[in-house]
Amino acid sequence: MRYNLAMKNFVLALLRTNLPKNYYYHNIEHTVYVLEKALEIGMHEECTKEELELLSISALWHDTGYIKTYSNHEEESCIMSRQYLSDLGFSIDELAKVGGMIMATKIPQSPNNKLEEILADADLEYLGTTSVKIKADNLFKELQSIDPALTNVKWRKTQISFLQHHRYFTRFCIENREPFKLIYLNKLIQGY
């Protein structure tokens, strides 16, 4: 297995050292969370050992591009992961799969296969959990630090629109996360 603790430690150190301090949402904790959720969803979706390895790698690298740019960070994440993984002997096919999964997290999400659907869902799985408000508040704080003109009213409207258009792709998230996501959406609409 080429995904290992050394790779995980390398990427987490890269993020810890290079991410701006005002990234209250897109941080190490988010990366570790997405990694855990990708594996959880992948197991529910009956992925093979090899698929779980590629999911783990993609989850680990999916936001590394934030080190260099905020917008279009996914493309930068693909470049960074490809450079690192090529040196480890990953095949062109494997690199393409990792890149496809990373790009599937780009909003609006448009995954093309099962693994891309799993990583896309893992990245936004929190929308259907009891921690959604905390994570949404962290994202608001991050976005507001980048754009001080972002108000609570604009943010609420943005969240409502985003949740109305968001969809989960995997059976696991549709069955287990969608219901709570809709409850949160209704609370936002009602102005709680």
Foldseek 3Di string as FASTA:
>chain_A
DPDDPVVLVVLLVLQVPQADPLQLQLGSVLLVQLLVQLLVLCVVVPHDPVLNSLLNLLSSQLQSLNSPPDPPSRVVSLVVSCVVVVVVPDDPVSSVVSSLLSQQLPPVGDHDDDSNLSSNCSSVLCLQDPCNVVSLVSVQSSVCVVPVVDDPVNSLVVLLVCLVPDDRDGPCCVVRRVVSSVVVSVCSVVPD
